[in-house]
PDB file of N, CA and C in Angstrom:
ATOM      1  N   ASP A   1      44.529   9.075  33.907  1.00  0.00           N
ATOM      2  CA  ASP A   1      45.460   8.278  34.670  1.00  0.00           C
ATOM      3  C   ASP A   1      45.420   8.689  36.145  1.00  0.00           C
ATOM      4  N   GLU A   2      46.218   8.016  36.943  1.00  0.00           N
ATOM      5  CA  GLU A   2      46.189   8.259  38.391  1.00  0.00           C
ATOM      6  C   GLU A   2      46.569   9.698  38.749  1.00  0.00           C
ATOM      7  N   HIS A   3      47.442  10.319  37.977  1.00  0.00           N
ATOM      8  CA  HIS A   3      47.856  11.700  38.273  1.00  0.00           C
ATOM      9  C   HIS A   3      46.716  12.684  38.008  1.00  0.00           C
ATOM     10  N   GLU A   4      46.007  12.460  36.927  1.00  0.00           N
ATOM     11  CA  GLU A   4      44.868  13.330  36.601  1.00  0.00           C
ATOM     12  C   GLU A   4      43.774  13.182  37.653  1.00  0.00           C
ATOM     13  N   ILE A   5      43.506  11.964  38.086  1.00  0.00           N
ATOM     14  CA  ILE A   5      42.499  11.733  39.129  1.00  0.00           C
ATOM     15  C   ILE A   5      42.917  12.444  40.410  1.00  0.00           C
ATOM     16  N   ASP A   6      44.174  12.332  40.791  1.00  0.00           N
ATOM     17  CA  ASP A   6      44.649  13.024  41.991  1.00  0.00           C
ATOM     18  C   ASP A   6      44.528  14.538  41.841  1.00  0.00           C
ATOM     19  N   ARG A   7      44.744  15.038  40.640  1.00  0.00           N
ATOM     20  CA  ARG A   7      44.734  16.484  40.409  1.00  0.00           C
ATOM     21  C   ARG A   7      43.317  17.073  40.429  1.00  0.00           C
ATOM     22  N   ILE A   8      42.349  16.370  39.784  1.00  0.00           N
ATOM     23  CA  ILE A   8      41.020  16.993  39.633  1.00  0.00           C
ATOM     24  C   ILE A   8      39.888  16.229  40.320  1.00  0.00           C
ATOM     25  N   ASN A   9      40.122  15.075  40.831  1.00  0.00           N
ATOM     26  CA  ASN A   9      39.217  14.163  41.544  1.00  0.00           C
ATOM     27  C   ASN A   9      38.614  13.148  40.571  1.00  0.00           C
ATOM     28  N   ILE A  10      38.149  12.050  41.134  1.00  0.00           N
ATOM     29  CA  ILE A  10      37.728  10.915  40.297  1.00  0.00           C
ATOM     30  C   ILE A  10      36.501  11.233  39.445  1.00  0.00           C
ATOM     31  N   LEU A  11      35.534  11.983  39.984  1.00  0.00           N
ATOM     32  CA  LEU A  11      34.338  12.315  39.211  1.00  0.00           C
ATOM     33  C   LEU A  11      34.703  13.188  38.022  1.00  0.00           C
ATOM     34  N   ARG A  12      35.432  14.251  38.258  1.00  0.00           N
ATOM     35  CA  ARG A  12      35.801  15.144  37.158  1.00  0.00           C
ATOM     36  C   ARG A  12      36.677  14.428  36.138  1.00  0.00           C
ATOM     37  N   ALA A  13      37.571  13.549  36.596  1.00  0.00           N
ATOM     38  CA  ALA A  13      38.410  12.786  35.664  1.00  0.00           C
ATOM     39  C   ALA A  13      37.560  11.826  34.831  1.00  0.00           C
ATOM     40  N   SER A  14      36.562  11.217  35.451  1.00  0.00           N
ATOM     41  CA  SER A  14      35.666  10.315  34.711  1.00  0.00           C
ATOM     42  C   SER A  14      34.879  11.076  33.652  1.00  0.00           C
ATOM     43  N   LEU A  15      34.366  12.247  34.013  1.00  0.00           N
ATOM     44  CA  LEU A  15      33.621  13.060  33.048  1.00  0.00           C
ATOM     45  C   LEU A  15      34.528  13.522  31.915  1.00  0.00           C
ATOM     46  N   LEU A  16      35.758  13.879  32.237  1.00  0.00           N
ATOM     47  CA  LEU A  16      36.726  14.277  31.216  1.00  0.00           C
ATOM     48  C   LEU A  16      37.044  13.104  30.290  1.00  0.00           C
ATOM     49  N   ALA A  17      37.219  11.914  30.855  1.00  0.00           N
ATOM     50  CA  ALA A  17      37.497  10.725  30.038  1.00  0.00           C
ATOM     51  C   ALA A  17      36.321  10.421  29.107  1.00  0.00           C
ATOM     52  N   MET A  18      35.098  10.562  29.624  1.00  0.00           N
ATOM     53  CA  MET A  18      33.920  10.333  28.772  1.00  0.00           C
ATOM     54  C   MET A  18      33.881  11.342  27.633  1.00  0.00           C
ATOM     55  N   ARG A  19      34.167  12.603  27.947  1.00  0.00           N
ATOM     56  CA  ARG A  19      34.175  13.647  26.924  1.00  0.00           C
ATOM     57  C   ARG A  19      35.206  13.324  25.846  1.00  0.00           C
ATOM     58  N   MET A  20      36.402  12.954  26.276  1.00  0.00           N
ATOM     59  CA  MET A  20      37.464  12.608  25.318  1.00  0.00           C
ATOM     60  C   MET A  20      37.070  11.401  24.470  1.00  0.00           C
ATOM     61  N   ALA A  21      36.421  10.409  25.092  1.00  0.00           N
ATOM     62  CA  ALA A  21      35.993   9.221  24.348  1.00  0.00           C
ATOM     63  C   ALA A  21      34.982   9.598  23.265  1.00  0.00           C
ATOM     64  N   VAL A  22      34.021  10.447  23.614  1.00  0.00           N
ATOM     65  CA  VAL A  22      33.011  10.863  22.628  1.00  0.00           C
ATOM     66  C   VAL A  22      33.675  11.654  21.508  1.00  0.00           C
ATOM     67  N   LEU A  23      34.575  12.553  21.857  1.00  0.00           N
ATOM     68  CA  LEU A  23      35.251  13.358  20.828  1.00  0.00           C
ATOM     69  C   LEU A  23      36.103  12.511  19.896  1.00  0.00           C
ATOM     70  N   ASN A  24      36.531  11.341  20.357  1.00  0.00           N
ATOM     71  CA  ASN A  24      37.353  10.460  19.520  1.00  0.00           C
ATOM     72  C   ASN A  24      36.540   9.460  18.708  1.00  0.00           C
ATOM     73  N   LEU A  25      35.225   9.498  18.824  1.00  0.00           N
ATOM     74  CA  LEU A  25      34.391   8.609  18.002  1.00  0.00           C
ATOM     75  C   LEU A  25      34.463   9.030  16.541  1.00  0.00           C
ATOM     76  N   PRO A  26      34.351   8.084  15.620  1.00  0.00           N
ATOM     77  CA  PRO A  26      34.403   8.440  14.198  1.00  0.00           C
ATOM     78  C   PRO A  26      33.148   9.190  13.719  1.00  0.00           C
ATOM     79  N   VAL A  27      32.079   9.103  14.484  1.00  0.00           N
ATOM     80  CA  VAL A  27      30.848   9.844  14.179  1.00  0.00           C
ATOM     81  C   VAL A  27      30.396  10.559  15.453  1.00  0.00           C
ATOM     82  N   THR A  28      29.656  11.633  15.275  1.00  0.00           N
ATOM     83  CA  THR A  28      29.124  12.353  16.433  1.00  0.00           C
ATOM     84  C   THR A  28      27.752  11.772  16.771  1.00  0.00           C
ATOM     85  N   PRO A  29      27.586  11.270  17.995  1.00  0.00           N
ATOM     86  CA  PRO A  29      26.291  10.711  18.363  1.00  0.00           C
ATOM     87  C   PRO A  29      25.226  11.804  18.476  1.00  0.00           C
ATOM     88  N   GLU A  30      23.979  11.404  18.274  1.00  0.00           N
ATOM     89  CA  GLU A  30      22.864  12.336  18.432  1.00  0.00           C
ATOM     90  C   GLU A  30      22.449  12.451  19.892  1.00  0.00           C
ATOM     91  N   LEU A  31      22.705  11.382  20.668  1.00  0.00           N
ATOM     92  CA  LEU A  31      22.258  11.342  22.057  1.00  0.00           C
ATOM     93  C   LEU A  31      23.234  10.517  22.877  1.00  0.00           C
ATOM     94  N   LEU A  32      23.508  10.977  24.093  1.00  0.00           N
ATOM     95  CA  LEU A  32      24.338  10.222  25.025  1.00  0.00           C
ATOM     96  C   LEU A  32      23.482   9.789  26.214  1.00  0.00           C
ATOM     97  N   LEU A  33      23.524   8.518  26.534  1.00  0.00           N
ATOM     98  CA  LEU A  33      22.913   8.000  27.753  1.00  0.00           C
ATOM     99  C   LEU A  33      24.042   7.818  28.751  1.00  0.00           C
ATOM    100  N   LEU A  34      23.957   8.512  29.873  1.00  0.00           N
ATOM    101  CA  LEU A  34      25.041   8.506  30.852  1.00  0.00           C
ATOM    102  C   LEU A  34      24.586   7.851  32.147  1.00  0.00           C
ATOM    103  N   ASP A  35      25.444   7.001  32.679  1.00  0.00           N
ATOM    104  CA  ASP A  35      25.157   6.335  33.952  1.00  0.00           C
ATOM    105  C   ASP A  35      25.488   7.302  35.086  1.00  0.00           C
ATOM    106  N   GLY A  36      24.483   7.727  35.821  1.00  0.00           N
ATOM    107  CA  GLY A  36      24.703   8.653  36.930  1.00  0.00           C
ATOM    108  C   GLY A  36      23.819   9.873  36.799  1.00  0.00           C
ATOM    109  N   ASN A  37      24.194  10.931  37.520  1.00  0.00           N
ATOM    110  CA  ASN A  37      23.372  12.141  37.517  1.00  0.00           C
ATOM    111  C   ASN A  37      24.092  13.336  36.902  1.00  0.00           C
ATOM    112  N   GLN A  38      25.195  13.092  36.213  1.00  0.00           N
ATOM    113  CA  GLN A  38      25.997  14.161  35.615  1.00  0.00           C
ATOM    114  C   GLN A  38      25.920  14.104  34.089  1.00  0.00           C
ATOM    115  N   THR A  39      26.156  15.258  33.472  1.00  0.00           N
ATOM    116  CA  THR A  39      26.325  15.315  32.018  1.00  0.00           C
ATOM    117  C   THR A  39      27.769  15.733  31.750  1.00  0.00           C
ATOM    118  N   ILE A  40      28.161  15.623  30.490  1.00  0.00           N
ATOM    119  CA  ILE A  40      29.518  16.027  30.125  1.00  0.00           C
ATOM    120  C   ILE A  40      29.458  17.290  29.269  1.00  0.00           C
ATOM    121  N   ASP A  41      30.547  17.995  29.227  1.00  0.00           N
ATOM    122  CA  ASP A  41      30.618  19.289  28.557  1.00  0.00           C
ATOM    123  C   ASP A  41      30.753  19.106  27.049  1.00  0.00           C
ATOM    124  N   LEU A  42      29.607  18.821  26.421  1.00  0.00           N
ATOM    125  CA  LEU A  42      29.545  18.683  24.964  1.00  0.00           C
ATOM    126  C   LEU A  42      28.188  19.159  24.477  1.00  0.00           C
ATOM    127  N   PRO A  43      28.130  19.743  23.285  1.00  0.00           N
ATOM    128  CA  PRO A  43      26.845  20.199  22.745  1.00  0.00           C
ATOM    129  C   PRO A  43      26.066  19.062  22.073  1.00  0.00           C
ATOM    130  N   ILE A  44      25.851  18.001  22.813  1.00  0.00           N
ATOM    131  CA  ILE A  44      25.109  16.832  22.336  1.00  0.00           C
ATOM    132  C   ILE A  44      24.007  16.578  23.350  1.00  0.00           C
ATOM    133  N   ASP A  45      22.806  16.226  22.876  1.00  0.00           N
ATOM    134  CA  ASP A  45      21.737  15.881  23.811  1.00  0.00           C
ATOM    135  C   ASP A  45      22.191  14.735  24.705  1.00  0.00           C
ATOM    136  N   GLN A  46      21.893  14.849  26.005  1.00  0.00           N
ATOM    137  CA  GLN A  46      22.341  13.853  26.972  1.00  0.00           C
ATOM    138  C   GLN A  46      21.220  13.555  27.970  1.00  0.00           C
ATOM    139  N   ILE A  47      21.148  12.300  28.349  1.00  0.00           N
ATOM    140  CA  ILE A  47      20.212  11.885  29.385  1.00  0.00           C
ATOM    141  C   ILE A  47      21.006  11.148  30.455  1.00  0.00           C
ATOM    142  N   PRO A  48      21.200  11.807  31.608  1.00  0.00           N
ATOM    143  CA  PRO A  48      21.842  11.088  32.712  1.00  0.00           C
ATOM    144  C   PRO A  48      20.793  10.201  33.391  1.00  0.00           C
ATOM    145  N   VAL A  49      21.159   8.965  33.687  1.00  0.00           N
ATOM    146  CA  VAL A  49      20.227   8.007  34.293  1.00  0.00           C
ATOM    147  C   VAL A  49      20.890   7.410  35.531  1.00  0.00           C
ATOM    148  N   VAL A  50      20.353   7.750  36.697  1.00  0.00           N
ATOM    149  CA  VAL A  50      20.872   7.182  37.934  1.00  0.00           C
ATOM    150  C   VAL A  50      20.623   5.680  37.913  1.00  0.00           C
ATOM    151  N   ARG A  51      21.663   4.910  38.221  1.00  0.00           N
ATOM    152  CA  ARG A  51      21.640   3.445  38.145  1.00  0.00           C
ATOM    153  C   ARG A  51      21.311   2.982  36.719  1.00  0.00           C
ATOM    154  N   GLY A  52      21.829   3.740  35.764  1.00  0.00           N
ATOM    155  CA  GLY A  52      21.593   3.436  34.359  1.00  0.00           C
ATOM    156  C   GLY A  52      22.073   2.055  33.960  1.00  0.00           C
ATOM    157  N   ASP A  53      23.135   1.566  34.613  1.00  0.00           N
ATOM    158  CA  ASP A  53      23.644   0.230  34.285  1.00  0.00           C
ATOM    159  C   ASP A  53      22.635  -0.855  34.626  1.00  0.00           C
ATOM    160  N   ALA A  54      21.753  -0.605  35.576  1.00  0.00           N
ATOM    161  CA  ALA A  54      20.725  -1.577  35.954  1.00  0.00           C
ATOM    162  C   ALA A  54      19.407  -1.322  35.224  1.00  0.00           C
ATOM    163  N   ARG A  55      19.238  -0.132  34.661  1.00  0.00           N
ATOM    164  CA  ARG A  55      17.956   0.249  34.069  1.00  0.00           C
ATOM    165  C   ARG A  55      17.928   0.231  32.549  1.00  0.00           C
ATOM    166  N   LEU A  56      19.096   0.364  31.929  1.00  0.00           N
ATOM    167  CA  LEU A  56      19.164   0.419  30.469  1.00  0.00           C
ATOM    168  C   LEU A  56      20.161  -0.619  29.957  1.00  0.00           C
ATOM    169  N   VAL A  57      19.716  -1.453  29.047  1.00  0.00           N
ATOM    170  CA  VAL A  57      20.559  -2.532  28.534  1.00  0.00           C
ATOM    171  C   VAL A  57      21.856  -1.990  27.934  1.00  0.00           C
ATOM    172  N   SER A  58      21.771  -0.920  27.148  1.00  0.00           N
ATOM    173  CA  SER A  58      22.975  -0.393  26.499  1.00  0.00           C
ATOM    174  C   SER A  58      23.967   0.147  27.523  1.00  0.00           C
ATOM    175  N   VAL A  59      23.480   0.805  28.553  1.00  0.00           N
ATOM    176  CA  VAL A  59      24.370   1.333  29.590  1.00  0.00           C
ATOM    177  C   VAL A  59      24.951   0.179  30.402  1.00  0.00           C
ATOM    178  N   GLY A  60      24.129  -0.825  30.676  1.00  0.00           N
ATOM    179  CA  GLY A  60      24.618  -2.008  31.381  1.00  0.00           C
ATOM    180  C   GLY A  60      25.705  -2.717  30.589  1.00  0.00           C
ATOM    181  N   ALA A  61      25.520  -2.829  29.284  1.00  0.00           N
ATOM    182  CA  ALA A  61      26.520  -3.472  28.427  1.00  0.00           C
ATOM    183  C   ALA A  61      27.822  -2.671  28.429  1.00  0.00           C
ATOM    184  N   ALA A  62      27.715  -1.347  28.344  1.00  0.00           N
ATOM    185  CA  ALA A  62      28.907  -0.494  28.379  1.00  0.00           C
ATOM    186  C   ALA A  62      29.627  -0.641  29.714  1.00  0.00           C
ATOM    187  N   SER A  63      28.871  -0.769  30.778  1.00  0.00           N
ATOM    188  CA  SER A  63      29.461  -0.943  32.107  1.00  0.00           C
ATOM    189  C   SER A  63      30.238  -2.251  32.190  1.00  0.00           C
ATOM    190  N   ILE A  64      29.692  -3.302  31.602  1.00  0.00           N
ATOM    191  CA  ILE A  64      30.380  -4.596  31.583  1.00  0.00           C
ATOM    192  C   ILE A  64      31.680  -4.495  30.789  1.00  0.00           C
ATOM    193  N   VAL A  65      31.627  -3.869  29.628  1.00  0.00           N
ATOM    194  CA  VAL A  65      32.833  -3.694  28.808  1.00  0.00           C
ATOM    195  C   VAL A  65      33.893  -2.910  29.591  1.00  0.00           C
ATOM    196  N   ALA A  66      33.472  -1.856  30.278  1.00  0.00           N
ATOM    197  CA  ALA A  66      34.410  -1.047  31.059  1.00  0.00           C
ATOM    198  C   ALA A  66      35.030  -1.863  32.190  1.00  0.00           C
ATOM    199  N   LYS A  67      34.220  -2.659  32.858  1.00  0.00           N
ATOM    200  CA  LYS A  67      34.740  -3.455  33.976  1.00  0.00           C
ATOM    201  C   LYS A  67      35.685  -4.553  33.492  1.00  0.00           C
ATOM    202  N   VAL A  68      35.371  -5.185  32.386  1.00  0.00           N
ATOM    203  CA  VAL A  68      36.260  -6.211  31.830  1.00  0.00           C
ATOM    204  C   VAL A  68      37.580  -5.576  31.400  1.00  0.00           C
ATOM    205  N   THR A  69      37.508  -4.410  30.775  1.00  0.00           N
ATOM    206  CA  THR A  69      38.718  -3.699  30.364  1.00  0.00           C
ATOM    207  C   THR A  69      39.554  -3.336  31.584  1.00  0.00           C
ATOM    208  N   ARG A  70      38.908  -2.817  32.637  1.00  0.00           N
ATOM    209  CA  ARG A  70      39.623  -2.474  33.866  1.00  0.00           C
ATOM    210  C   ARG A  70      40.262  -3.717  34.484  1.00  0.00           C
ATOM    211  N   ASP A  71      39.524  -4.848  34.515  1.00  0.00           N
ATOM    212  CA  ASP A  71      40.073  -6.084  35.083  1.00  0.00           C
ATOM    213  C   ASP A  71      41.289  -6.567  34.298  1.00  0.00           C
ATOM    214  N   GLU A  72      41.256  -6.427  32.968  1.00  0.00           N
ATOM    215  CA  GLU A  72      42.407  -6.815  32.148  1.00  0.00           C
ATOM    216  C   GLU A  72      43.604  -5.914  32.435  1.00  0.00           C
ATOM    217  N   LEU A  73      43.349  -4.625  32.602  1.00  0.00           N
ATOM    218  CA  LEU A  73      44.415  -3.691  32.942  1.00  0.00           C
ATOM    219  C   LEU A  73      45.011  -4.043  34.303  1.00  0.00           C
ATOM    220  N   MET A  74      44.157  -4.374  35.270  1.00  0.00           N
ATOM    221  CA  MET A  74      44.641  -4.729  36.605  1.00  0.00           C
ATOM    222  C   MET A  74      45.435  -6.036  36.559  1.00  0.00           C
ATOM    223  N   ALA A  75      45.067  -6.952  35.683  1.00  0.00           N
ATOM    224  CA  ALA A  75      45.847  -8.191  35.527  1.00  0.00           C
ATOM    225  C   ALA A  75      47.244  -7.876  34.992  1.00  0.00           C
ATOM    226  N   CYS A  76      47.345  -6.912  34.099  1.00  0.00           N
ATOM    227  CA  CYS A  76      48.665  -6.489  33.601  1.00  0.00           C
ATOM    228  C   CYS A  76      49.468  -5.833  34.718  1.00  0.00           C
ATOM    229  N   TYR A  77      48.816  -5.004  35.513  1.00  0.00           N
ATOM    230  CA  TYR A  77      49.494  -4.382  36.651  1.00  0.00           C
ATOM    231  C   TYR A  77      49.936  -5.437  37.667  1.00  0.00           C
ATOM    232  N   ALA A  78      49.170  -6.510  37.801  1.00  0.00           N
ATOM    233  CA  ALA A  78      49.520  -7.575  38.742  1.00  0.00           C
ATOM    234  C   ALA A  78      50.839  -8.234  38.357  1.00  0.00           C
ATOM    235  N   VAL A  79      51.121  -8.322  37.071  1.00  0.00           N
ATOM    236  CA  VAL A  79      52.392  -8.894  36.609  1.00  0.00           C
ATOM    237  C   VAL A  79      53.533  -7.930  36.944  1.00  0.00           C
ATOM    238  N   LYS A  80      53.287  -6.656  36.732  1.00  0.00           N
ATOM    239  CA  LYS A  80      54.317  -5.645  36.957  1.00  0.00           C
ATOM    240  C   LYS A  80      54.550  -5.367  38.447  1.00  0.00           C
ATOM    241  N   TYR A  81      53.478  -5.462  39.240  1.00  0.00           N
ATOM    242  CA  TYR A  81      53.538  -5.178  40.680  1.00  0.00           C
ATOM    243  C   TYR A  81      52.899  -6.342  41.446  1.00  0.00           C
ATOM    244  N   PRO A  82      53.525  -7.521  41.439  1.00  0.00           N
ATOM    245  CA  PRO A  82      52.892  -8.723  41.994  1.00  0.00           C
ATOM    246  C   PRO A  82      52.615  -8.658  43.500  1.00  0.00           C
ATOM    247  N   GLN A  83      53.330  -7.846  44.228  1.00  0.00           N
ATOM    248  CA  GLN A  83      53.175  -7.791  45.680  1.00  0.00           C
ATOM    249  C   GLN A  83      51.829  -7.215  46.120  1.00  0.00           C
ATOM    250  N   TYR A  84      51.076  -6.573  45.225  1.00  0.00           N
ATOM    251  CA  TYR A  84      49.821  -5.927  45.614  1.00  0.00           C
ATOM    252  C   TYR A  84      48.577  -6.797  45.422  1.00  0.00           C
ATOM    253  N   GLY A  85      48.670  -7.861  44.654  1.00  0.00           N
ATOM    254  CA  GLY A  85      47.512  -8.734  44.449  1.00  0.00           C
ATOM    255  C   GLY A  85      46.416  -8.129  43.591  1.00  0.00           C
ATOM    256  N   PHE A  86      46.789  -7.249  42.648  1.00  0.00           N
ATOM    257  CA  PHE A  86      45.794  -6.597  41.796  1.00  0.00           C
ATOM    258  C   PHE A  86      44.921  -7.590  41.040  1.00  0.00           C
ATOM    259  N   GLU A  87      45.470  -8.766  40.708  1.00  0.00           N
ATOM    260  CA  GLU A  87      44.696  -9.759  39.950  1.00  0.00           C
ATOM    261  C   GLU A  87      43.500 -10.266  40.759  1.00  0.00           C
ATOM    262  N   LYS A  88      43.545 -10.120  42.076  1.00  0.00           N
ATOM    263  CA  LYS A  88      42.441 -10.588  42.929  1.00  0.00           C
ATOM    264  C   LYS A  88      41.453  -9.472  43.246  1.00  0.00           C
ATOM    265  N   HIS A  89      41.941  -8.351  43.751  1.00  0.00           N
ATOM    266  CA  HIS A  89      41.031  -7.305  44.237  1.00  0.00           C
ATOM    267  C   HIS A  89      40.755  -6.201  43.227  1.00  0.00           C
ATOM    268  N   LYS A  90      41.460  -6.212  42.120  1.00  0.00           N
ATOM    269  CA  LYS A  90      41.267  -5.258  41.016  1.00  0.00           C
ATOM    270  C   LYS A  90      41.383  -3.793  41.440  1.00  0.00           C
ATOM    271  N   GLY A  91      42.105  -3.554  42.535  1.00  0.00           N
ATOM    272  CA  GLY A  91      42.303  -2.186  42.994  1.00  0.00           C
ATOM    273  C   GLY A  91      41.323  -1.726  44.048  1.00  0.00           C
ATOM    274  N   TYR A  92      40.326  -2.544  44.353  1.00  0.00           N
ATOM    275  CA  TYR A  92      39.384  -2.177  45.414  1.00  0.00           C
ATOM    276  C   TYR A  92      40.081  -2.277  46.766  1.00  0.00           C
ATOM    277  N   PRO A  93      39.626  -1.502  47.756  1.00  0.00           N
ATOM    278  CA  PRO A  93      40.310  -1.473  49.058  1.00  0.00           C
ATOM    279  C   PRO A  93      39.970  -2.669  49.949  1.00  0.00           C
ATOM    280  N   THR A  94      40.298  -3.849  49.495  1.00  0.00           N
ATOM    281  CA  THR A  94      40.076  -5.050  50.299  1.00  0.00           C
ATOM    282  C   THR A  94      41.103  -5.096  51.433  1.00  0.00           C
ATOM    283  N   ARG A  95      40.892  -5.970  52.363  1.00  0.00           N
ATOM    284  CA  ARG A  95      41.826  -6.135  53.481  1.00  0.00           C
ATOM    285  C   ARG A  95      43.226  -6.442  52.953  1.00  0.00           C
ATOM    286  N   GLU A  96      43.300  -7.347  51.983  1.00  0.00           N
ATOM    287  CA  GLU A  96      44.626  -7.726  51.469  1.00  0.00           C
ATOM    288  C   GLU A  96      45.308  -6.565  50.728  1.00  0.00           C
ATOM    289  N   HIS A  97      44.528  -5.745  50.029  1.00  0.00           N
ATOM    290  CA  HIS A  97      45.108  -4.586  49.332  1.00  0.00           C
ATOM    291  C   HIS A  97      45.652  -3.582  50.354  1.00  0.00           C
ATOM    292  N   VAL A  98      44.884  -3.296  51.377  1.00  0.00           N
ATOM    293  CA  VAL A  98      45.316  -2.359  52.411  1.00  0.00           C
ATOM    294  C   VAL A  98      46.565  -2.889  53.128  1.00  0.00           C
ATOM    295  N   GLN A  99      46.591  -4.195  53.397  1.00  0.00           N
ATOM    296  CA  GLN A  99      47.781  -4.790  54.033  1.00  0.00           C
ATOM    297  C   GLN A  99      49.013  -4.651  53.145  1.00  0.00           C
ATOM    298  N   ALA A 100      48.837  -4.855  51.839  1.00  0.00           N
ATOM    299  CA  ALA A 100      49.965  -4.695  50.906  1.00  0.00           C
ATOM    300  C   ALA A 100      50.436  -3.245  50.874  1.00  0.00           C
ATOM    301  N   LEU A 101      49.506  -2.309  50.917  1.00  0.00           N
ATOM    302  CA  LEU A 101      49.888  -0.896  50.959  1.00  0.00           C
ATOM    303  C   LEU A 101      50.704  -0.588  52.202  1.00  0.00           C
ATOM    304  N   LYS A 102      50.271  -1.135  53.332  1.00  0.00           N
ATOM    305  CA  LYS A 102      51.001  -0.899  54.582  1.00  0.00           C
ATOM    306  C   LYS A 102      52.394  -1.527  54.531  1.00  0.00           C
ATOM    307  N   LYS A 103      52.487  -2.691  53.917  1.00  0.00           N
ATOM    308  CA  LYS A 103      53.766  -3.405  53.876  1.00  0.00           C
ATOM    309  C   LYS A 103      54.741  -2.808  52.852  1.00  0.00           C
ATOM    310  N   PHE A 104      54.234  -2.492  51.656  1.00  0.00           N
ATOM    311  CA  PHE A 104      55.105  -2.078  50.554  1.00  0.00           C
ATOM    312  C   PHE A 104      55.014  -0.590  50.217  1.00  0.00           C
ATOM    313  N   GLY A 105      54.031   0.101  50.789  1.00  0.00           N
ATOM    314  CA  GLY A 105      53.794   1.486  50.400  1.00  0.00           C
ATOM    315  C   GLY A 105      53.119   1.526  49.037  1.00  0.00           C
ATOM    316  N   PRO A 106      52.701   2.688  48.590  1.00  0.00           N
ATOM    317  CA  PRO A 106      52.025   2.770  47.289  1.00  0.00           C
ATOM    318  C   PRO A 106      52.988   2.598  46.126  1.00  0.00           C
ATOM    319  N   SER A 107      52.480   2.033  45.042  1.00  0.00           N
ATOM    320  CA  SER A 107      53.250   1.919  43.797  1.00  0.00           C
ATOM    321  C   SER A 107      53.051   3.207  42.997  1.00  0.00           C
ATOM    322  N   VAL A 108      53.729   3.310  41.882  1.00  0.00           N
ATOM    323  CA  VAL A 108      53.591   4.502  41.042  1.00  0.00           C
ATOM    324  C   VAL A 108      52.208   4.609  40.402  1.00  0.00           C
ATOM    325  N   ILE A 109      51.463   3.504  40.347  1.00  0.00           N
ATOM    326  CA  ILE A 109      50.129   3.564  39.738  1.00  0.00           C
ATOM    327  C   ILE A 109      49.033   3.852  40.750  1.00  0.00           C
ATOM    328  N   HIS A 110      49.349   3.829  42.031  1.00  0.00           N
ATOM    329  CA  HIS A 110      48.331   4.129  43.036  1.00  0.00           C
ATOM    330  C   HIS A 110      47.965   5.611  42.991  1.00  0.00           C
ATOM    331  N   ARG A 111      46.689   5.873  43.230  1.00  0.00           N
ATOM    332  CA  ARG A 111      46.228   7.257  43.339  1.00  0.00           C
ATOM    333  C   ARG A 111      46.516   7.731  44.760  1.00  0.00           C
ATOM    334  N   MET A 112      47.275   8.800  44.887  1.00  0.00           N
ATOM    335  CA  MET A 112      47.627   9.312  46.208  1.00  0.00           C
ATOM    336  C   MET A 112      46.400   9.870  46.933  1.00  0.00           C
ATOM    337  N   SER A 113      45.340  10.197  46.189  1.00  0.00           N
ATOM    338  CA  SER A 113      44.108  10.702  46.796  1.00  0.00           C
ATOM    339  C   SER A 113      43.181   9.571  47.256  1.00  0.00           C
ATOM    340  N   PHE A 114      43.523   8.336  46.944  1.00  0.00           N
ATOM    341  CA  PHE A 114      42.744   7.157  47.342  1.00  0.00           C
ATOM    342  C   PHE A 114      42.888   6.993  48.854  1.00  0.00           C
ATOM    343  N   GLY A 115      41.786   6.930  49.575  1.00  0.00           N
ATOM    344  CA  GLY A 115      41.782   6.916  51.033  1.00  0.00           C
ATOM    345  C   GLY A 115      42.815   6.009  51.685  1.00  0.00           C
ATOM    346  N   PRO A 116      42.854   4.717  51.349  1.00  0.00           N
ATOM    347  CA  PRO A 116      43.847   3.839  51.969  1.00  0.00           C
ATOM    348  C   PRO A 116      45.291   4.226  51.654  1.00  0.00           C
ATOM    349  N   VAL A 117      45.542   4.783  50.479  1.00  0.00           N
ATOM    350  CA  VAL A 117      46.898   5.227  50.135  1.00  0.00           C
ATOM    351  C   VAL A 117      47.242   6.455  50.972  1.00  0.00           C
ATOM    352  N   ARG A 118      46.305   7.396  51.048  1.00  0.00           N
ATOM    353  CA  ARG A 118      46.521   8.596  51.860  1.00  0.00           C
ATOM    354  C   ARG A 118      46.815   8.215  53.307  1.00  0.00           C
ATOM    355  N   ALA A 119      46.025   7.262  53.847  1.00  0.00           N
ATOM    356  CA  ALA A 119      46.226   6.805  55.232  1.00  0.00           C
ATOM    357  C   ALA A 119      47.605   6.180  55.398  1.00  0.00           C
ATOM    358  N   CYS A 120      48.010   5.392  54.411  1.00  0.00           N
ATOM    359  CA  CYS A 120      49.331   4.745  54.453  1.00  0.00           C
ATOM    360  C   CYS A 120      50.435   5.802  54.450  1.00  0.00           C
ATOM    361  N   LEU A 121      50.288   6.820  53.635  1.00  0.00           N
ATOM    362  CA  LEU A 121      51.285   7.882  53.562  1.00  0.00           C
ATOM    363  C   LEU A 121      51.335   8.672  54.879  1.00  0.00           C
ATOM    364  N   LEU A 122      50.159   8.925  55.463  1.00  0.00           N
ATOM    365  CA  LEU A 122      50.123   9.637  56.749  1.00  0.00           C
ATOM    366  C   LEU A 122      50.797   8.830  57.847  1.00  0.00           C
ATOM    367  N   GLU A 123      50.540   7.521  57.876  1.00  0.00           N
ATOM    368  CA  GLU A 123      51.183   6.645  58.879  1.00  0.00           C
ATOM    369  C   GLU A 123      52.700   6.653  58.715  1.00  0.00           C
ATOM    370  N   ALA A 124      53.161   6.633  57.473  1.00  0.00           N
ATOM    371  CA  ALA A 124      54.597   6.599  57.197  1.00  0.00           C
ATOM    372  C   ALA A 124      55.278   7.912  57.598  1.00  0.00           C
ATOM    373  N   SER A 125      54.533   9.008  57.558  1.00  0.00           N
ATOM    374  CA  SER A 125      55.134  10.309  57.871  1.00  0.00           C
ATOM    375  C   SER A 125      55.162  10.604  59.370  1.00  0.00           C
ATOM    376  N   VAL A 126      54.503   9.771  60.163  1.00  0.00           N
ATOM    377  CA  VAL A 126      54.454  10.008  61.620  1.00  0.00           C
ATOM    378  C   VAL A 126      55.701   9.499  62.289  1.00  0.00           C
TER     379      VAL A 126
END
């Protein structure tokens, strides 16, 4: 969640989430194909593949599933926090997202370590 990302950084939180996902599988995989240049802390053979989503069909498919899931989550957040326009920008730092941050400040789901949120907080404290 946003608190864990703020605490340990987005890369480490992503690796931790991947580790937890693998540990929650009903079977232990023999091999993990990972998108990027990192491995996760598990005693399973792993192949990190830079730009794996573009190079491997299975990694590309997983990336699509992850993005669709994230977009659905952002659509739910858009209902709860309509002033931010999450249904349009999906949390990316678009001009409209940054303007909403400046106008309304960060919501409870914003990552305080996210550059535009940090900038908004710094401006507010001046």
